[in-house]
C-alpha atoms as a PDB file:
ATOM      1  CA  UNK A   1      10.662 -18.815  11.482  1.00  0.00           C
ATOM      2  CA  UNK A   2      10.814 -16.960  14.488  1.00  0.00           C
ATOM      3  CA  UNK A   3       7.906 -14.763  15.813  1.00  0.00           C
ATOM      4  CA  UNK A   4       9.941 -11.872  16.782  1.00  0.00           C
ATOM      5  CA  UNK A   5       7.159 -10.117  14.873  1.00  0.00           C
ATOM      6  CA  UNK A   6       4.734 -10.445  17.657  1.00  0.00           C
ATOM      7  CA  UNK A   7       6.857  -9.194  20.302  1.00  0.00           C
ATOM      8  CA  UNK A   8       8.681  -5.318  21.211  1.00  0.00           C
ATOM      9  CA  UNK A   9      12.011  -5.715  20.579  1.00  0.00           C
ATOM     10  CA  UNK A  10      13.421  -2.836  22.229  1.00  0.00           C
ATOM     11  CA  UNK A  11      15.521  -2.206  25.687  1.00  0.00           C
ATOM     12  CA  UNK A  12      13.978  -3.100  28.840  1.00  0.00           C
ATOM     13  CA  UNK A  13      11.585  -5.202  27.087  1.00  0.00           C
ATOM     14  CA  UNK A  14       9.181  -7.377  29.063  1.00  0.00           C
ATOM     15  CA  UNK A  15       9.360 -10.906  27.091  1.00  0.00           C
ATOM     16  CA  UNK A  16       9.146 -13.268  29.814  1.00  0.00           C
ATOM     17  CA  UNK A  17       7.922 -16.283  28.687  1.00  0.00           C
ATOM     18  CA  UNK A  18       7.877 -15.604  24.970  1.00  0.00           C
ATOM     19  CA  UNK A  19       8.499 -17.452  21.986  1.00  0.00           C
ATOM     20  CA  UNK A  20      11.108 -16.597  20.200  1.00  0.00           C
ATOM     21  CA  UNK A  21      12.129 -19.937  18.849  1.00  0.00           C
ATOM     22  CA  UNK A  22      14.652 -19.410  15.605  1.00  0.00           C
ATOM     23  CA  UNK A  23      13.819 -15.621  16.178  1.00  0.00           C
ATOM     24  CA  UNK A  24      16.098 -13.382  13.778  1.00  0.00           C
ATOM     25  CA  UNK A  25      17.396 -11.265  16.580  1.00  0.00           C
ATOM     26  CA  UNK A  26      21.094 -10.320  15.234  1.00  0.00           C
ATOM     27  CA  UNK A  27      22.240  -7.109  16.615  1.00  0.00           C
ATOM     28  CA  UNK A  28      18.967  -6.399  18.814  1.00  0.00           C
ATOM     29  CA  UNK A  29      19.468  -4.232  21.421  1.00  0.00           C
ATOM     30  CA  UNK A  30      17.519  -6.072  24.486  1.00  0.00           C
ATOM     31  CA  UNK A  31      19.958  -4.519  27.328  1.00  0.00           C
ATOM     32  CA  UNK A  32      17.798  -5.102  30.769  1.00  0.00           C
ATOM     33  CA  UNK A  33      15.349  -6.641  29.053  1.00  0.00           C
ATOM     34  CA  UNK A  34      13.168  -9.607  30.922  1.00  0.00           C
ATOM     35  CA  UNK A  35      13.014 -12.930  28.581  1.00  0.00           C
ATOM     36  CA  UNK A  36      13.046 -15.055  31.913  1.00  0.00           C
ATOM     37  CA  UNK A  37      11.645 -18.443  30.850  1.00  0.00           C
ATOM     38  CA  UNK A  38      11.533 -17.073  27.313  1.00  0.00           C
ATOM     39  CA  UNK A  39      12.005 -19.860  24.614  1.00  0.00           C
ATOM     40  CA  UNK A  40      15.105 -18.524  22.226  1.00  0.00           C
ATOM     41  CA  UNK A  41      15.995 -22.127  20.810  1.00  0.00           C
ATOM     42  CA  UNK A  42      17.338 -21.707  17.535  1.00  0.00           C
ATOM     43  CA  UNK A  43      17.675 -18.112  17.868  1.00  0.00           C
ATOM     44  CA  UNK A  44      20.108 -15.709  16.011  1.00  0.00           C
ATOM     45  CA  UNK A  45      21.711 -13.251  18.245  1.00  0.00           C
ATOM     46  CA  UNK A  46      24.599 -12.332  16.611  1.00  0.00           C
ATOM     47  CA  UNK A  47      25.875  -9.125  18.129  1.00  0.00           C
ATOM     48  CA  UNK A  48      22.733  -8.805  20.390  1.00  0.00           C
ATOM     49  CA  UNK A  49      23.107  -6.380  23.163  1.00  0.00           C
ATOM     50  CA  UNK A  50      22.057  -8.180  26.045  1.00  0.00           C
ATOM     51  CA  UNK A  51      23.815  -6.719  29.012  1.00  0.00           C
ATOM     52  CA  UNK A  52      21.918  -6.888  32.187  1.00  0.00           C
ATOM     53  CA  UNK A  53      18.876  -8.755  31.049  1.00  0.00           C
ATOM     54  CA  UNK A  54      17.129 -11.521  33.174  1.00  0.00           C
ATOM     55  CA  UNK A  55      17.611 -14.844  31.141  1.00  0.00           C
ATOM     56  CA  UNK A  56      16.555 -16.905  34.159  1.00  0.00           C
ATOM     57  CA  UNK A  57      15.475 -20.346  33.167  1.00  0.00           C
ATOM     58  CA  UNK A  58      15.359 -19.206  29.299  1.00  0.00           C
ATOM     59  CA  UNK A  59      15.455 -21.749  26.519  1.00  0.00           C
ATOM     60  CA  UNK A  60      18.724 -20.907  24.351  1.00  0.00           C
ATOM     61  CA  UNK A  61      19.443 -24.236  23.093  1.00  0.00           C
ATOM     62  CA  UNK A  62      21.132 -24.476  19.979  1.00  0.00           C
ATOM     63  CA  UNK A  63      20.828 -20.775  19.910  1.00  0.00           C
ATOM     64  CA  UNK A  64      23.515 -18.270  18.036  1.00  0.00           C
ATOM     65  CA  UNK A  65      25.163 -15.639  20.154  1.00  0.00           C
ATOM     66  CA  UNK A  66      28.778 -15.737  18.425  1.00  0.00           C
ATOM     67  CA  UNK A  67      30.297 -15.700  15.231  1.00  0.00           C
ATOM     68  CA  UNK A  68      33.439 -17.036  13.116  1.00  0.00           C
ATOM     69  CA  UNK A  69      35.377 -13.214  13.768  1.00  0.00           C
ATOM     70  CA  UNK A  70      34.382 -13.758  17.569  1.00  0.00           C
ATOM     71  CA  UNK A  71      32.248 -10.771  17.910  1.00  0.00           C
ATOM     72  CA  UNK A  72      29.560 -12.448  19.772  1.00  0.00           C
ATOM     73  CA  UNK A  73      26.757 -11.173  21.979  1.00  0.00           C
ATOM     74  CA  UNK A  74      26.895  -8.809  24.738  1.00  0.00           C
ATOM     75  CA  UNK A  75      25.533 -10.539  27.968  1.00  0.00           C
ATOM     76  CA  UNK A  76      27.722  -8.708  30.762  1.00  0.00           C
ATOM     77  CA  UNK A  77      25.949  -9.120  33.683  1.00  0.00           C
ATOM     78  CA  UNK A  78      22.802 -10.800  32.266  1.00  0.00           C
ATOM     79  CA  UNK A  79      21.008 -13.442  34.575  1.00  0.00           C
ATOM     80  CA  UNK A  80      21.610 -16.601  33.165  1.00  0.00           C
ATOM     81  CA  UNK A  81      20.620 -18.952  36.344  1.00  0.00           C
ATOM     82  CA  UNK A  82      19.315 -22.442  35.121  1.00  0.00           C
ATOM     83  CA  UNK A  83      19.219 -20.863  31.778  1.00  0.00           C
ATOM     84  CA  UNK A  84      19.386 -23.920  28.703  1.00  0.00           C
ATOM     85  CA  UNK A  85      22.380 -22.840  26.348  1.00  0.00           C
ATOM     86  CA  UNK A  86      23.102 -26.809  25.362  1.00  0.00           C
ATOM     87  CA  UNK A  87      24.889 -26.577  22.348  1.00  0.00           C
ATOM     88  CA  UNK A  88      24.637 -23.046  21.527  1.00  0.00           C
ATOM     89  CA  UNK A  89      27.483 -20.938  19.681  1.00  0.00           C
ATOM     90  CA  UNK A  90      28.816 -18.333  22.240  1.00  0.00           C
ATOM     91  CA  UNK A  91      31.840 -17.660  20.157  1.00  0.00           C
ATOM     92  CA  UNK A  92      33.609 -14.811  21.387  1.00  0.00           C
ATOM     93  CA  UNK A  93      30.602 -13.720  23.435  1.00  0.00           C
ATOM     94  CA  UNK A  94      30.777 -10.995  26.334  1.00  0.00           C
ATOM     95  CA  UNK A  95      29.377 -12.933  29.839  1.00  0.00           C
ATOM     96  CA  UNK A  96      31.739 -11.003  31.825  1.00  0.00           C
ATOM     97  CA  UNK A  97      29.997 -10.957  35.236  1.00  0.00           C
ATOM     98  CA  UNK A  98      27.342 -12.971  34.002  1.00  0.00           C
ATOM     99  CA  UNK A  99      25.482 -15.079  36.569  1.00  0.00           C
ATOM    100  CA  UNK A 100      25.283 -18.792  35.124  1.00  0.00           C
ATOM    101  CA  UNK A 101      24.763 -20.820  38.274  1.00  0.00           C
ATOM    102  CA  UNK A 102      23.275 -24.077  37.496  1.00  0.00           C
ATOM    103  CA  UNK A 103      23.228 -23.292  33.706  1.00  0.00           C
ATOM    104  CA  UNK A 104      23.529 -25.740  31.255  1.00  0.00           C
ATOM    105  CA  UNK A 105      26.069 -25.442  28.650  1.00  0.00           C
ATOM    106  CA  UNK A 106      27.417 -29.104  27.729  1.00  0.00           C
ATOM    107  CA  UNK A 107      28.397 -29.012  24.160  1.00  0.00           C
ATOM    108  CA  UNK A 108      28.275 -25.144  23.941  1.00  0.00           C
ATOM    109  CA  UNK A 109      30.874 -23.228  21.752  1.00  0.00           C
ATOM    110  CA  UNK A 110      32.563 -20.834  23.628  1.00  0.00           C
ATOM    111  CA  UNK A 111      35.961 -20.014  21.965  1.00  0.00           C
ATOM    112  CA  UNK A 112      37.611 -16.983  22.835  1.00  0.00           C
ATOM    113  CA  UNK A 113      34.799 -15.985  25.083  1.00  0.00           C
ATOM    114  CA  UNK A 114      34.957 -13.545  27.820  1.00  0.00           C
ATOM    115  CA  UNK A 115      33.457 -15.035  31.109  1.00  0.00           C
ATOM    116  CA  UNK A 116      35.821 -13.171  33.312  1.00  0.00           C
ATOM    117  CA  UNK A 117      34.422 -12.790  36.672  1.00  0.00           C
ATOM    118  CA  UNK A 118      31.228 -14.626  35.733  1.00  0.00           C
ATOM    119  CA  UNK A 119      29.336 -17.518  38.102  1.00  0.00           C
ATOM    120  CA  UNK A 120      29.569 -20.545  36.941  1.00  0.00           C
ATOM    121  CA  UNK A 121      28.612 -22.383  40.019  1.00  0.00           C
ATOM    122  CA  UNK A 122      27.094 -26.077  39.812  1.00  0.00           C
ATOM    123  CA  UNK A 123      26.905 -25.200  35.727  1.00  0.00           C
ATOM    124  CA  UNK A 124      27.136 -28.038  33.487  1.00  0.00           C
ATOM    125  CA  UNK A 125      29.737 -27.427  30.721  1.00  0.00           C
ATOM    126  CA  UNK A 126      30.526 -31.067  29.636  1.00  0.00           C
ATOM    127  CA  UNK A 127      32.251 -31.062  26.580  1.00  0.00           C
ATOM    128  CA  UNK A 128      32.205 -27.628  25.877  1.00  0.00           C
ATOM    129  CA  UNK A 129      34.685 -25.598  23.633  1.00  0.00           C
ATOM    130  CA  UNK A 130      36.349 -23.264  25.881  1.00  0.00           C
ATOM    131  CA  UNK A 131      39.362 -22.848  24.259  1.00  0.00           C
ATOM    132  CA  UNK A 132      41.385 -19.510  24.889  1.00  0.00           C
ATOM    133  CA  UNK A 133      38.278 -18.394  26.734  1.00  0.00           C
ATOM    134  CA  UNK A 134      38.689 -15.708  29.660  1.00  0.00           C
ATOM    135  CA  UNK A 135      37.756 -16.984  32.626  1.00  0.00           C
ATOM    136  CA  UNK A 136      40.034 -15.156  35.033  1.00  0.00           C
ATOM    137  CA  UNK A 137      38.583 -15.090  38.631  1.00  0.00           C
ATOM    138  CA  UNK A 138      35.425 -17.119  37.598  1.00  0.00           C
ATOM    139  CA  UNK A 139      33.490 -19.081  40.018  1.00  0.00           C
ATOM    140  CA  UNK A 140      33.161 -22.537  38.843  1.00  0.00           C
ATOM    141  CA  UNK A 141      32.634 -24.513  42.252  1.00  0.00           C
ATOM    142  CA  UNK A 142      31.247 -27.756  41.523  1.00  0.00           C
ATOM    143  CA  UNK A 143      30.912 -26.791  37.964  1.00  0.00           C
ATOM    144  CA  UNK A 144      31.121 -30.118  35.273  1.00  0.00           C
ATOM    145  CA  UNK A 145      33.692 -29.206  32.946  1.00  0.00           C
ATOM    146  CA  UNK A 146      34.465 -33.133  31.923  1.00  0.00           C
ATOM    147  CA  UNK A 147      35.620 -33.539  28.793  1.00  0.00           C
ATOM    148  CA  UNK A 148      35.443 -29.610  27.884  1.00  0.00           C
ATOM    149  CA  UNK A 149      38.453 -27.846  25.416  1.00  0.00           C
ATOM    150  CA  UNK A 150      39.995 -25.587  27.875  1.00  0.00           C
ATOM    151  CA  UNK A 151      43.074 -25.529  25.918  1.00  0.00           C
ATOM    152  CA  UNK A 152      44.992 -21.923  26.093  1.00  0.00           C
ATOM    153  CA  UNK A 153      42.167 -20.795  28.383  1.00  0.00           C
ATOM    154  CA  UNK A 154      42.548 -18.037  30.910  1.00  0.00           C
ATOM    155  CA  UNK A 155      41.674 -19.288  34.655  1.00  0.00           C
ATOM    156  CA  UNK A 156      43.813 -17.243  36.725  1.00  0.00           C
ATOM    157  CA  UNK A 157      42.584 -16.917  40.141  1.00  0.00           C
ATOM    158  CA  UNK A 158      39.447 -19.305  38.993  1.00  0.00           C
ATOM    159  CA  UNK A 159      37.694 -21.061  41.742  1.00  0.00           C
ATOM    160  CA  UNK A 160      37.345 -24.740  40.808  1.00  0.00           C
ATOM    161  CA  UNK A 161      36.799 -25.962  43.836  1.00  0.00           C
ATOM    162  CA  UNK A 162      35.302 -29.813  43.680  1.00  0.00           C
ATOM    163  CA  UNK A 163      34.843 -29.024  39.864  1.00  0.00           C
ATOM    164  CA  UNK A 164      34.678 -32.147  37.504  1.00  0.00           C
ATOM    165  CA  UNK A 165      37.452 -31.447  34.906  1.00  0.00           C
ATOM    166  CA  UNK A 166      37.926 -35.262  34.093  1.00  0.00           C
ATOM    167  CA  UNK A 167      39.260 -35.910  30.419  1.00  0.00           C
ATOM    168  CA  UNK A 168      39.573 -32.067  30.123  1.00  0.00           C
ATOM    169  CA  UNK A 169      41.553 -30.241  27.760  1.00  0.00           C
ATOM    170  CA  UNK A 170      43.751 -27.940  30.019  1.00  0.00           C
ATOM    171  CA  UNK A 171      46.795 -27.592  27.647  1.00  0.00           C
ATOM    172  CA  UNK A 172      48.857 -24.640  27.640  1.00  0.00           C
ATOM    173  CA  UNK A 173      45.789 -23.167  30.253  1.00  0.00           C
ATOM    174  CA  UNK A 174      46.760 -20.425  32.613  1.00  0.00           C
ATOM    175  CA  UNK A 175      45.581 -21.694  35.986  1.00  0.00           C
ATOM    176  CA  UNK A 176      47.888 -19.641  38.128  1.00  0.00           C
ATOM    177  CA  UNK A 177      46.663 -18.923  41.761  1.00  0.00           C
ATOM    178  CA  UNK A 178      43.434 -20.977  41.091  1.00  0.00           C
ATOM    179  CA  UNK A 179      41.452 -22.887  43.538  1.00  0.00           C
ATOM    180  CA  UNK A 180      41.658 -26.549  42.570  1.00  0.00           C
ATOM    181  CA  UNK A 181      40.875 -28.389  45.857  1.00  0.00           C
ATOM    182  CA  UNK A 182      39.006 -31.473  45.577  1.00  0.00           C
ATOM    183  CA  UNK A 183      38.610 -31.148  42.056  1.00  0.00           C
ATOM    184  CA  UNK A 184      38.548 -34.386  39.847  1.00  0.00           C
ATOM    185  CA  UNK A 185      41.436 -33.965  37.262  1.00  0.00           C
ATOM    186  CA  UNK A 186      41.677 -37.696  36.287  1.00  0.00           C
ATOM    187  CA  UNK A 187      42.704 -38.034  32.700  1.00  0.00           C
ATOM    188  CA  UNK A 188      43.075 -34.186  32.564  1.00  0.00           C
ATOM    189  CA  UNK A 189      45.388 -33.028  29.687  1.00  0.00           C
ATOM    190  CA  UNK A 190      47.591 -30.374  31.531  1.00  0.00           C
ATOM    191  CA  UNK A 191      50.892 -30.377  29.461  1.00  0.00           C
ATOM    192  CA  UNK A 192      52.267 -26.735  29.257  1.00  0.00           C
ATOM    193  CA  UNK A 193      49.557 -25.311  31.836  1.00  0.00           C
ATOM    194  CA  UNK A 194      50.685 -23.094  34.325  1.00  0.00           C
ATOM    195  CA  UNK A 195      49.705 -23.888  37.658  1.00  0.00           C
ATOM    196  CA  UNK A 196      51.929 -21.720  39.955  1.00  0.00           C
ATOM    197  CA  UNK A 197      50.442 -20.796  43.277  1.00  0.00           C
ATOM    198  CA  UNK A 198      47.502 -23.188  42.367  1.00  0.00           C
ATOM    199  CA  UNK A 199      45.763 -25.059  45.331  1.00  0.00           C
ATOM    200  CA  UNK A 200      45.690 -28.380  44.443  1.00  0.00           C
ATOM    201  CA  UNK A 201      44.619 -29.956  47.983  1.00  0.00           C
ATOM    202  CA  UNK A 202      42.623 -33.104  47.505  1.00  0.00           C
ATOM    203  CA  UNK A 203      42.510 -32.753  43.786  1.00  0.00           C
ATOM    204  CA  UNK A 204      42.567 -36.065  41.628  1.00  0.00           C
ATOM    205  CA  UNK A 205      45.335 -36.208  39.351  1.00  0.00           C
ATOM    206  CA  UNK A 206      45.284 -39.652  38.678  1.00  0.00           C
ATOM    207  CA  UNK A 207      46.590 -40.429  34.872  1.00  0.00           C
ATOM    208  CA  UNK A 208      46.611 -36.671  34.413  1.00  0.00           C
ATOM    209  CA  UNK A 209      49.306 -35.516  31.706  1.00  0.00           C
ATOM    210  CA  UNK A 210      51.458 -32.688  33.505  1.00  0.00           C
ATOM    211  CA  UNK A 211      54.331 -32.592  31.163  1.00  0.00           C
ATOM    212  CA  UNK A 212      55.989 -29.527  30.649  1.00  0.00           C
ATOM    213  CA  UNK A 213      53.217 -27.840  33.431  1.00  0.00           C
ATOM    214  CA  UNK A 214      54.651 -25.180  35.805  1.00  0.00           C
ATOM    215  CA  UNK A 215      53.739 -26.755  39.075  1.00  0.00           C
ATOM    216  CA  UNK A 216      52.548 -24.866  42.184  1.00  0.00           C
ATOM    217  CA  UNK A 217      56.215 -24.332  43.518  1.00  0.00           C
ATOM    218  CA  UNK A 218      57.495 -22.959  40.528  1.00  0.00           C
ATOM    219  CA  UNK A 219      59.265 -26.029  39.099  1.00  0.00           C
ATOM    220  CA  UNK A 220      58.451 -27.601  35.676  1.00  0.00           C
ATOM    221  CA  UNK A 221      57.290 -30.923  35.776  1.00  0.00           C
ATOM    222  CA  UNK A 222      59.000 -33.442  33.437  1.00  0.00           C
END
């Protein structure tokens, strides 16, 4: 059981380093709260309001911040630098403008999540599920997206400079205008993807599947 009863759960609360393991925080208003270094492993945060919250170095491994109906938690503008979100459920979560630099999201479930304008520089998203996610204008410089599911994801204008997308599934993804310079796309599935005006200089496309993809010059790959 969680220990939420030991803490004051309210907007702006100072919960730095708090032990909220497996806590039930469904729908809680923690906007602007300080949760830096807090232990939220396995916590239930479906529909919680975490706008502008500080979750730097927090442990959210296996936490539930999403839902089957894609009505996830609101983490808009939240600080999640170096946070542990391994295997967390963020389906439909709102993370627009969130700071996720160096965050650990391997195996995380993020279908339909809104990560537009989020900073995911050097984040670990290996094997994460980002199917249909909105990553428009997101910073993914040097991010690890190897084996990730990005089918149908919206990555228009995203910065993926030097990102690792080896064996990633980008089928039908929109990468229009994206920066993929120096990206590792070996074995990636880009079938039917939109790469119009994308920057691919120095990208490794060895064994990548490009059938039906719209290339940077507007032509369709056979």
